């Protein structure tokens, strides 16, 4: 493919669905404070039914867009128009194409980082670092039991079968003049489906730290609820614009995709 596409190739039809095969992922669920959720969710999102956060570290060894990479993420439970979903606060990756596609199509707040994931027996270690700061560290022990038995009962029925989760992100671009946005920020709703081949549960320890560039410890961990280790296939379905917000409403949340030194 050259810089200019031929007339036959000239279609701005991007990938309709992202397919991820033989995904390996460890996810840790935790309880945070309701006031943290309220402070960090941009309007028109509202807090979910419970003040729950989650983090994951994942390895994507094969995709339908020719990229293999690792990824981690930080989410808060949220809802829009009564529908429960997850709002993404950060999503480091190890590949530039994965970063560009996720940011420009769906609005995921992706940055490049160093990411590690390894399972040995029943132990799983995951971590993420940027600029010399390890701001995410997961240690899971896949005993079959969560840290919190009640939350395990809530989750158990949905983990072993194909299912889907709804994610919310905001898609926006800073204006070329250096102030404001090119257009009103848009709330993007996207559905991710999963087809598990293996699911293990267990206890976890979680450390969130902050740097000047990645303030992950702002999401206070009140208590860790448990860990899920997943192997299987995942599909990212095409997203839709669910709503728009104004520049003034979104401005306090608009710098999460940038490092501190890039803004005044």
C-alpha atoms as a PDB file:
ATOM      1  CA  UNK A   1       0.000   0.000   0.000  1.00  0.00           C
ATOM      2  CA  UNK A   2       1.358   3.396  -0.982  1.00  0.00           C
ATOM      3  CA  UNK A   3       0.742   6.872   0.377  1.00  0.00           C
ATOM      4  CA  UNK A   4      -2.156   7.255  -2.068  1.00  0.00           C
ATOM      5  CA  UNK A   5      -4.691   4.481  -2.495  1.00  0.00           C
ATOM      6  CA  UNK A   6      -5.952   3.408  -5.887  1.00  0.00           C
ATOM      7  CA  UNK A   7      -9.560   4.034  -6.883  1.00  0.00           C
ATOM      8  CA  UNK A   8     -10.268   0.338  -6.317  1.00  0.00           C
ATOM      9  CA  UNK A   9      -8.820   0.561  -2.801  1.00  0.00           C
ATOM     10  CA  UNK A  10     -10.300   3.959  -2.009  1.00  0.00           C
ATOM     11  CA  UNK A  11     -12.793   3.051   0.675  1.00  0.00           C
ATOM     12  CA  UNK A  12     -12.725   4.530   4.151  1.00  0.00           C
ATOM     13  CA  UNK A  13     -14.200   1.357   5.585  1.00  0.00           C
ATOM     14  CA  UNK A  14     -12.141   0.459   8.592  1.00  0.00           C
ATOM     15  CA  UNK A  15     -12.070  -2.890  10.364  1.00  0.00           C
ATOM     16  CA  UNK A  16     -15.634  -3.825  11.272  1.00  0.00           C
ATOM     17  CA  UNK A  17     -14.699  -5.939  14.296  1.00  0.00           C
ATOM     18  CA  UNK A  18     -11.459  -6.582  16.132  1.00  0.00           C
ATOM     19  CA  UNK A  19     -10.773 -10.279  16.719  1.00  0.00           C
ATOM     20  CA  UNK A  20      -8.353 -11.423  19.425  1.00  0.00           C
ATOM     21  CA  UNK A  21      -7.421 -15.105  19.526  1.00  0.00           C
ATOM     22  CA  UNK A  22      -6.044 -17.123  22.463  1.00  0.00           C
ATOM     23  CA  UNK A  23      -6.129 -14.110  24.751  1.00  0.00           C
ATOM     24  CA  UNK A  24      -4.499 -14.537  28.168  1.00  0.00           C
ATOM     25  CA  UNK A  25      -5.750 -12.030  30.735  1.00  0.00           C
ATOM     26  CA  UNK A  26      -5.803 -11.584  34.495  1.00  0.00           C
ATOM     27  CA  UNK A  27      -8.416  -9.188  35.892  1.00  0.00           C
ATOM     28  CA  UNK A  28      -8.625  -7.972  39.485  1.00  0.00           C
ATOM     29  CA  UNK A  29     -11.851  -6.495  40.862  1.00  0.00           C
ATOM     30  CA  UNK A  30     -11.854  -4.125  43.811  1.00  0.00           C
ATOM     31  CA  UNK A  31     -14.124  -1.876  45.822  1.00  0.00           C
ATOM     32  CA  UNK A  32     -13.413   1.836  45.794  1.00  0.00           C
ATOM     33  CA  UNK A  33     -15.150   4.820  47.402  1.00  0.00           C
ATOM     34  CA  UNK A  34     -18.400   6.223  45.923  1.00  0.00           C
ATOM     35  CA  UNK A  35     -16.993   9.749  46.073  1.00  0.00           C
ATOM     36  CA  UNK A  36     -14.006   8.642  43.957  1.00  0.00           C
ATOM     37  CA  UNK A  37     -16.334   7.290  41.282  1.00  0.00           C
ATOM     38  CA  UNK A  38     -18.453  10.456  41.289  1.00  0.00           C
ATOM     39  CA  UNK A  39     -15.365  12.669  40.947  1.00  0.00           C
ATOM     40  CA  UNK A  40     -13.763  10.746  38.087  1.00  0.00           C
ATOM     41  CA  UNK A  41     -16.759  10.025  35.846  1.00  0.00           C
ATOM     42  CA  UNK A  42     -17.341  12.689  33.175  1.00  0.00           C
ATOM     43  CA  UNK A  43     -20.945  13.658  32.456  1.00  0.00           C
ATOM     44  CA  UNK A  44     -23.258  12.274  31.187  1.00  0.00           C
ATOM     45  CA  UNK A  45     -21.943   9.057  32.809  1.00  0.00           C
ATOM     46  CA  UNK A  46     -23.254   8.216  36.264  1.00  0.00           C
ATOM     47  CA  UNK A  47     -21.943   5.824  38.932  1.00  0.00           C
ATOM     48  CA  UNK A  48     -22.824   2.168  38.542  1.00  0.00           C
ATOM     49  CA  UNK A  49     -24.880   0.196  41.013  1.00  0.00           C
ATOM     50  CA  UNK A  50     -21.763  -0.549  43.097  1.00  0.00           C
ATOM     51  CA  UNK A  51     -18.495   1.417  43.521  1.00  0.00           C
ATOM     52  CA  UNK A  52     -16.433  -1.236  41.747  1.00  0.00           C
ATOM     53  CA  UNK A  53     -13.181  -0.815  39.874  1.00  0.00           C
ATOM     54  CA  UNK A  54     -11.146  -3.306  37.906  1.00  0.00           C
ATOM     55  CA  UNK A  55      -7.710  -3.625  36.360  1.00  0.00           C
ATOM     56  CA  UNK A  56      -6.343  -6.151  33.927  1.00  0.00           C
ATOM     57  CA  UNK A  57      -3.137  -7.204  32.263  1.00  0.00           C
ATOM     58  CA  UNK A  58      -3.534  -9.080  28.989  1.00  0.00           C
ATOM     59  CA  UNK A  59      -1.509 -10.733  26.255  1.00  0.00           C
ATOM     60  CA  UNK A  60      -2.931 -10.715  22.722  1.00  0.00           C
ATOM     61  CA  UNK A  61      -0.719 -13.155  20.769  1.00  0.00           C
ATOM     62  CA  UNK A  62      -2.799 -13.077  17.569  1.00  0.00           C
ATOM     63  CA  UNK A  63      -5.333 -10.642  16.076  1.00  0.00           C
ATOM     64  CA  UNK A  64      -7.175 -10.159  12.784  1.00  0.00           C
ATOM     65  CA  UNK A  65      -5.357  -6.873  12.222  1.00  0.00           C
ATOM     66  CA  UNK A  66      -1.871  -8.363  12.226  1.00  0.00           C
ATOM     67  CA  UNK A  67      -0.643  -7.080  15.581  1.00  0.00           C
ATOM     68  CA  UNK A  68       0.476  -8.980  18.695  1.00  0.00           C
ATOM     69  CA  UNK A  69       0.874  -6.981  21.899  1.00  0.00           C
ATOM     70  CA  UNK A  70       0.301  -6.669  25.630  1.00  0.00           C
ATOM     71  CA  UNK A  71      -2.146  -4.323  27.286  1.00  0.00           C
ATOM     72  CA  UNK A  72      -3.346  -3.275  30.718  1.00  0.00           C
ATOM     73  CA  UNK A  73      -6.271  -1.125  31.803  1.00  0.00           C
ATOM     74  CA  UNK A  74      -8.059   0.602  34.665  1.00  0.00           C
ATOM     75  CA  UNK A  75     -11.878   0.786  34.739  1.00  0.00           C
ATOM     76  CA  UNK A  76     -14.695   2.118  36.917  1.00  0.00           C
ATOM     77  CA  UNK A  77     -18.225   0.782  36.851  1.00  0.00           C
ATOM     78  CA  UNK A  78     -20.534   3.371  35.294  1.00  0.00           C
ATOM     79  CA  UNK A  79     -23.907   3.669  33.665  1.00  0.00           C
ATOM     80  CA  UNK A  80     -25.530   5.659  30.907  1.00  0.00           C
ATOM     81  CA  UNK A  81     -29.297   5.797  30.442  1.00  0.00           C
ATOM     82  CA  UNK A  82     -29.615   2.997  32.988  1.00  0.00           C
ATOM     83  CA  UNK A  83     -27.222   0.614  31.213  1.00  0.00           C
ATOM     84  CA  UNK A  84     -24.309  -0.700  33.258  1.00  0.00           C
ATOM     85  CA  UNK A  85     -20.854  -0.641  31.735  1.00  0.00           C
ATOM     86  CA  UNK A  86     -17.218   0.177  32.386  1.00  0.00           C
ATOM     87  CA  UNK A  87     -15.502   3.538  31.913  1.00  0.00           C
ATOM     88  CA  UNK A  88     -11.832   3.328  30.987  1.00  0.00           C
ATOM     89  CA  UNK A  89      -9.432   5.648  32.836  1.00  0.00           C
ATOM     90  CA  UNK A  90      -6.230   4.316  31.305  1.00  0.00           C
ATOM     91  CA  UNK A  91      -5.087   1.635  28.854  1.00  0.00           C
ATOM     92  CA  UNK A  92      -1.322   1.231  28.342  1.00  0.00           C
ATOM     93  CA  UNK A  93      -0.161  -0.919  25.402  1.00  0.00           C
ATOM     94  CA  UNK A  94       3.118  -2.177  23.919  1.00  0.00           C
ATOM     95  CA  UNK A  95       2.384  -1.551  20.225  1.00  0.00           C
ATOM     96  CA  UNK A  96       1.888   1.721  18.362  1.00  0.00           C
ATOM     97  CA  UNK A  97      -0.762   0.413  15.944  1.00  0.00           C
ATOM     98  CA  UNK A  98      -2.806  -0.976  18.840  1.00  0.00           C
ATOM     99  CA  UNK A  99      -2.542   2.430  20.501  1.00  0.00           C
ATOM    100  CA  UNK A 100      -3.605   4.357  17.395  1.00  0.00           C
ATOM    101  CA  UNK A 101      -6.555   2.122  16.509  1.00  0.00           C
ATOM    102  CA  UNK A 102      -7.922   2.104  20.055  1.00  0.00           C
ATOM    103  CA  UNK A 103      -7.561   5.855  20.548  1.00  0.00           C
ATOM    104  CA  UNK A 104      -8.698   7.157  17.168  1.00  0.00           C
ATOM    105  CA  UNK A 105     -11.600   4.782  16.524  1.00  0.00           C
ATOM    106  CA  UNK A 106     -13.023   4.143  19.987  1.00  0.00           C
ATOM    107  CA  UNK A 107     -11.483   6.831  22.202  1.00  0.00           C
ATOM    108  CA  UNK A 108      -9.596   4.493  24.548  1.00  0.00           C
ATOM    109  CA  UNK A 109      -7.021   6.475  26.603  1.00  0.00           C
ATOM    110  CA  UNK A 110      -4.004   4.498  25.389  1.00  0.00           C
ATOM    111  CA  UNK A 111      -0.326   5.206  25.997  1.00  0.00           C
ATOM    112  CA  UNK A 112       2.829   3.212  25.284  1.00  0.00           C
ATOM    113  CA  UNK A 113       4.265   1.332  28.263  1.00  0.00           C
ATOM    114  CA  UNK A 114       6.293  -1.657  29.433  1.00  0.00           C
ATOM    115  CA  UNK A 115       3.936  -4.503  30.401  1.00  0.00           C
ATOM    116  CA  UNK A 116       4.604  -7.938  31.865  1.00  0.00           C
ATOM    117  CA  UNK A 117       2.315 -10.965  32.354  1.00  0.00           C
ATOM    118  CA  UNK A 118       3.389 -14.425  33.491  1.00  0.00           C
ATOM    119  CA  UNK A 119       1.673 -17.470  34.969  1.00  0.00           C
ATOM    120  CA  UNK A 120       3.585 -20.154  36.858  1.00  0.00           C
ATOM    121  CA  UNK A 121       1.374 -22.882  38.264  1.00  0.00           C
ATOM    122  CA  UNK A 122      -1.370 -21.156  40.218  1.00  0.00           C
ATOM    123  CA  UNK A 123       0.534 -17.879  40.538  1.00  0.00           C
ATOM    124  CA  UNK A 124       0.009 -15.003  38.098  1.00  0.00           C
ATOM    125  CA  UNK A 125       2.069 -11.821  38.053  1.00  0.00           C
ATOM    126  CA  UNK A 126       1.222  -8.742  36.031  1.00  0.00           C
ATOM    127  CA  UNK A 127       2.689  -5.240  36.023  1.00  0.00           C
ATOM    128  CA  UNK A 128       2.881  -2.016  34.024  1.00  0.00           C
ATOM    129  CA  UNK A 129       5.575   0.662  33.992  1.00  0.00           C
ATOM    130  CA  UNK A 130       6.043   4.025  32.276  1.00  0.00           C
ATOM    131  CA  UNK A 131       8.904   6.508  32.713  1.00  0.00           C
ATOM    132  CA  UNK A 132      10.493   4.254  35.326  1.00  0.00           C
ATOM    133  CA  UNK A 133       7.401   4.090  37.578  1.00  0.00           C
ATOM    134  CA  UNK A 134       5.590   0.795  38.170  1.00  0.00           C
ATOM    135  CA  UNK A 135       2.043   2.069  38.706  1.00  0.00           C
ATOM    136  CA  UNK A 136       0.221  -1.267  38.383  1.00  0.00           C
ATOM    137  CA  UNK A 137       1.171  -4.534  40.045  1.00  0.00           C
ATOM    138  CA  UNK A 138      -1.025  -7.629  40.284  1.00  0.00           C
ATOM    139  CA  UNK A 139      -0.273 -10.836  42.140  1.00  0.00           C
ATOM    140  CA  UNK A 140      -2.971 -13.493  41.879  1.00  0.00           C
ATOM    141  CA  UNK A 141      -3.167 -16.921  43.514  1.00  0.00           C
ATOM    142  CA  UNK A 142      -5.677 -19.053  41.608  1.00  0.00           C
ATOM    143  CA  UNK A 143      -7.090 -20.988  44.540  1.00  0.00           C
ATOM    144  CA  UNK A 144     -10.643 -21.071  43.165  1.00  0.00           C
ATOM    145  CA  UNK A 145     -11.793 -18.656  45.861  1.00  0.00           C
ATOM    146  CA  UNK A 146     -12.106 -14.854  45.682  1.00  0.00           C
ATOM    147  CA  UNK A 147     -10.955 -12.592  48.493  1.00  0.00           C
ATOM    148  CA  UNK A 148     -14.665 -11.808  48.922  1.00  0.00           C
ATOM    149  CA  UNK A 149     -17.071 -14.774  48.820  1.00  0.00           C
ATOM    150  CA  UNK A 150     -20.185 -12.665  48.190  1.00  0.00           C
ATOM    151  CA  UNK A 151     -18.686 -11.035  45.119  1.00  0.00           C
ATOM    152  CA  UNK A 152     -17.576 -14.425  43.837  1.00  0.00           C
ATOM    153  CA  UNK A 153     -21.190 -15.632  43.999  1.00  0.00           C
ATOM    154  CA  UNK A 154     -22.259 -12.607  41.951  1.00  0.00           C
ATOM    155  CA  UNK A 155     -19.588 -13.193  39.291  1.00  0.00           C
ATOM    156  CA  UNK A 156     -19.473 -16.982  39.075  1.00  0.00           C
ATOM    157  CA  UNK A 157     -22.562 -17.487  36.926  1.00  0.00           C
ATOM    158  CA  UNK A 158     -21.305 -15.223  34.145  1.00  0.00           C
ATOM    159  CA  UNK A 159     -17.635 -16.172  33.960  1.00  0.00           C
ATOM    160  CA  UNK A 160     -17.774 -19.653  32.450  1.00  0.00           C
ATOM    161  CA  UNK A 161     -20.054 -18.872  29.503  1.00  0.00           C
ATOM    162  CA  UNK A 162     -19.806 -16.600  26.462  1.00  0.00           C
ATOM    163  CA  UNK A 163     -20.886 -13.101  27.345  1.00  0.00           C
ATOM    164  CA  UNK A 164     -20.347  -9.447  26.706  1.00  0.00           C
ATOM    165  CA  UNK A 165     -19.383  -6.257  28.478  1.00  0.00           C
ATOM    166  CA  UNK A 166     -20.196  -2.661  27.584  1.00  0.00           C
ATOM    167  CA  UNK A 167     -17.417  -0.077  27.652  1.00  0.00           C
ATOM    168  CA  UNK A 168     -17.718   3.712  27.598  1.00  0.00           C
ATOM    169  CA  UNK A 169     -15.042   6.074  26.282  1.00  0.00           C
ATOM    170  CA  UNK A 170     -14.914   9.686  25.163  1.00  0.00           C
ATOM    171  CA  UNK A 171     -13.699  10.489  21.675  1.00  0.00           C
ATOM    172  CA  UNK A 172     -12.266  13.975  21.210  1.00  0.00           C
ATOM    173  CA  UNK A 173      -9.406  15.871  19.595  1.00  0.00           C
ATOM    174  CA  UNK A 174      -7.702  19.041  20.817  1.00  0.00           C
ATOM    175  CA  UNK A 175      -8.252  21.948  18.456  1.00  0.00           C
ATOM    176  CA  UNK A 176      -5.504  22.807  15.971  1.00  0.00           C
ATOM    177  CA  UNK A 177      -5.275  26.308  17.457  1.00  0.00           C
ATOM    178  CA  UNK A 178      -4.165  24.893  20.795  1.00  0.00           C
ATOM    179  CA  UNK A 179      -7.297  25.675  22.810  1.00  0.00           C
ATOM    180  CA  UNK A 180     -10.547  23.746  23.085  1.00  0.00           C
ATOM    181  CA  UNK A 181     -11.690  20.869  20.881  1.00  0.00           C
ATOM    182  CA  UNK A 182     -12.192  20.303  17.168  1.00  0.00           C
ATOM    183  CA  UNK A 183     -15.736  19.095  17.963  1.00  0.00           C
ATOM    184  CA  UNK A 184     -17.870  18.399  21.020  1.00  0.00           C
ATOM    185  CA  UNK A 185     -16.546  15.350  22.900  1.00  0.00           C
ATOM    186  CA  UNK A 186     -18.529  12.217  22.057  1.00  0.00           C
ATOM    187  CA  UNK A 187     -19.452   9.373  24.365  1.00  0.00           C
ATOM    188  CA  UNK A 188     -18.723   6.109  22.535  1.00  0.00           C
ATOM    189  CA  UNK A 189     -20.507   2.921  23.535  1.00  0.00           C
ATOM    190  CA  UNK A 190     -18.804  -0.303  22.543  1.00  0.00           C
ATOM    191  CA  UNK A 191     -19.569  -3.963  23.182  1.00  0.00           C
ATOM    192  CA  UNK A 192     -16.819  -6.534  23.763  1.00  0.00           C
ATOM    193  CA  UNK A 193     -17.737 -10.221  23.606  1.00  0.00           C
ATOM    194  CA  UNK A 194     -15.768 -13.082  25.103  1.00  0.00           C
ATOM    195  CA  UNK A 195     -15.654 -16.808  24.378  1.00  0.00           C
ATOM    196  CA  UNK A 196     -13.780 -18.512  27.227  1.00  0.00           C
ATOM    197  CA  UNK A 197     -11.678 -21.628  26.842  1.00  0.00           C
ATOM    198  CA  UNK A 198     -10.410 -21.543  30.413  1.00  0.00           C
ATOM    199  CA  UNK A 199     -11.423 -19.514  33.446  1.00  0.00           C
ATOM    200  CA  UNK A 200      -9.764 -19.710  36.868  1.00  0.00           C
ATOM    201  CA  UNK A 201     -10.610 -17.657  39.945  1.00  0.00           C
ATOM    202  CA  UNK A 202      -8.549 -16.753  42.953  1.00  0.00           C
ATOM    203  CA  UNK A 203      -7.311 -14.292  45.509  1.00  0.00           C
ATOM    204  CA  UNK A 204      -5.301 -11.258  44.552  1.00  0.00           C
ATOM    205  CA  UNK A 205      -3.071  -8.500  45.803  1.00  0.00           C
ATOM    206  CA  UNK A 206      -3.177  -5.192  43.972  1.00  0.00           C
ATOM    207  CA  UNK A 207      -0.925  -2.141  44.064  1.00  0.00           C
ATOM    208  CA  UNK A 208      -1.865   1.087  42.284  1.00  0.00           C
ATOM    209  CA  UNK A 209       0.698   3.879  42.375  1.00  0.00           C
ATOM    210  CA  UNK A 210       0.838   7.296  40.775  1.00  0.00           C
ATOM    211  CA  UNK A 211       3.376   9.193  38.752  1.00  0.00           C
ATOM    212  CA  UNK A 212       3.173  12.692  37.338  1.00  0.00           C
ATOM    213  CA  UNK A 213       1.904  11.129  34.113  1.00  0.00           C
ATOM    214  CA  UNK A 214      -0.282   8.228  35.304  1.00  0.00           C
ATOM    215  CA  UNK A 215      -2.240   9.030  38.496  1.00  0.00           C
ATOM    216  CA  UNK A 216      -3.680   5.538  39.005  1.00  0.00           C
ATOM    217  CA  UNK A 217      -3.652   5.656  42.800  1.00  0.00           C
ATOM    218  CA  UNK A 218      -6.380   8.319  42.657  1.00  0.00           C
ATOM    219  CA  UNK A 219      -8.691   5.319  42.344  1.00  0.00           C
ATOM    220  CA  UNK A 220      -8.479   4.308  45.976  1.00  0.00           C
ATOM    221  CA  UNK A 221      -8.572   0.573  46.631  1.00  0.00           C
ATOM    222  CA  UNK A 222     -10.790   0.032  49.680  1.00  0.00           C
ATOM    223  CA  UNK A 223     -10.537  -3.754  49.414  1.00  0.00           C
ATOM    224  CA  UNK A 224      -9.643  -6.296  46.768  1.00  0.00           C
ATOM    225  CA  UNK A 225     -12.544  -8.575  45.791  1.00  0.00           C
ATOM    226  CA  UNK A 226     -10.818 -11.244  43.701  1.00  0.00           C
ATOM    227  CA  UNK A 227      -9.066 -12.197  40.484  1.00  0.00           C
ATOM    228  CA  UNK A 228     -10.133 -13.917  37.273  1.00  0.00           C
ATOM    229  CA  UNK A 229      -7.682 -15.575  34.881  1.00  0.00           C
ATOM    230  CA  UNK A 230      -9.148 -15.939  31.390  1.00  0.00           C
ATOM    231  CA  UNK A 231      -7.950 -17.726  28.269  1.00  0.00           C
ATOM    232  CA  UNK A 232     -10.114 -17.493  25.170  1.00  0.00           C
ATOM    233  CA  UNK A 233     -11.182 -15.402  22.202  1.00  0.00           C
ATOM    234  CA  UNK A 234     -12.468 -11.830  22.310  1.00  0.00           C
ATOM    235  CA  UNK A 235     -14.294  -9.655  19.768  1.00  0.00           C
ATOM    236  CA  UNK A 236     -14.490  -5.865  19.807  1.00  0.00           C
ATOM    237  CA  UNK A 237     -17.680  -4.927  17.982  1.00  0.00           C
ATOM    238  CA  UNK A 238     -18.133  -1.610  16.153  1.00  0.00           C
ATOM    239  CA  UNK A 239     -18.920   1.277  18.481  1.00  0.00           C
ATOM    240  CA  UNK A 240     -21.679   3.862  18.368  1.00  0.00           C
ATOM    241  CA  UNK A 241     -21.849   7.476  19.479  1.00  0.00           C
ATOM    242  CA  UNK A 242     -24.272   7.416  22.394  1.00  0.00           C
ATOM    243  CA  UNK A 243     -24.179  11.118  23.347  1.00  0.00           C
ATOM    244  CA  UNK A 244     -22.265  14.372  23.129  1.00  0.00           C
ATOM    245  CA  UNK A 245     -21.101  16.625  25.920  1.00  0.00           C
ATOM    246  CA  UNK A 246     -20.005  20.247  25.847  1.00  0.00           C
ATOM    247  CA  UNK A 247     -16.414  21.475  25.866  1.00  0.00           C
ATOM    248  CA  UNK A 248     -16.951  23.158  29.232  1.00  0.00           C
ATOM    249  CA  UNK A 249     -18.338  19.982  30.839  1.00  0.00           C
ATOM    250  CA  UNK A 250     -15.581  17.746  29.532  1.00  0.00           C
ATOM    251  CA  UNK A 251     -12.587  20.076  29.910  1.00  0.00           C
ATOM    252  CA  UNK A 252     -11.604  18.868  33.442  1.00  0.00           C
ATOM    253  CA  UNK A 253     -11.297  15.281  32.133  1.00  0.00           C
ATOM    254  CA  UNK A 254      -9.613  15.997  28.804  1.00  0.00           C
ATOM    255  CA  UNK A 255      -5.931  15.497  29.653  1.00  0.00           C
ATOM    256  CA  UNK A 256      -6.001  11.818  30.620  1.00  0.00           C
ATOM    257  CA  UNK A 257      -4.460  10.758  27.279  1.00  0.00           C
ATOM    258  CA  UNK A 258      -1.494  13.120  27.615  1.00  0.00           C
ATOM    259  CA  UNK A 259       1.558  13.204  29.855  1.00  0.00           C
ATOM    260  CA  UNK A 260       1.932  16.137  32.209  1.00  0.00           C
ATOM    261  CA  UNK A 261       4.767  17.791  30.320  1.00  0.00           C
ATOM    262  CA  UNK A 262       2.693  18.150  27.146  1.00  0.00           C
ATOM    263  CA  UNK A 263       0.161  20.610  28.589  1.00  0.00           C
ATOM    264  CA  UNK A 264       0.286  23.940  30.393  1.00  0.00           C
END
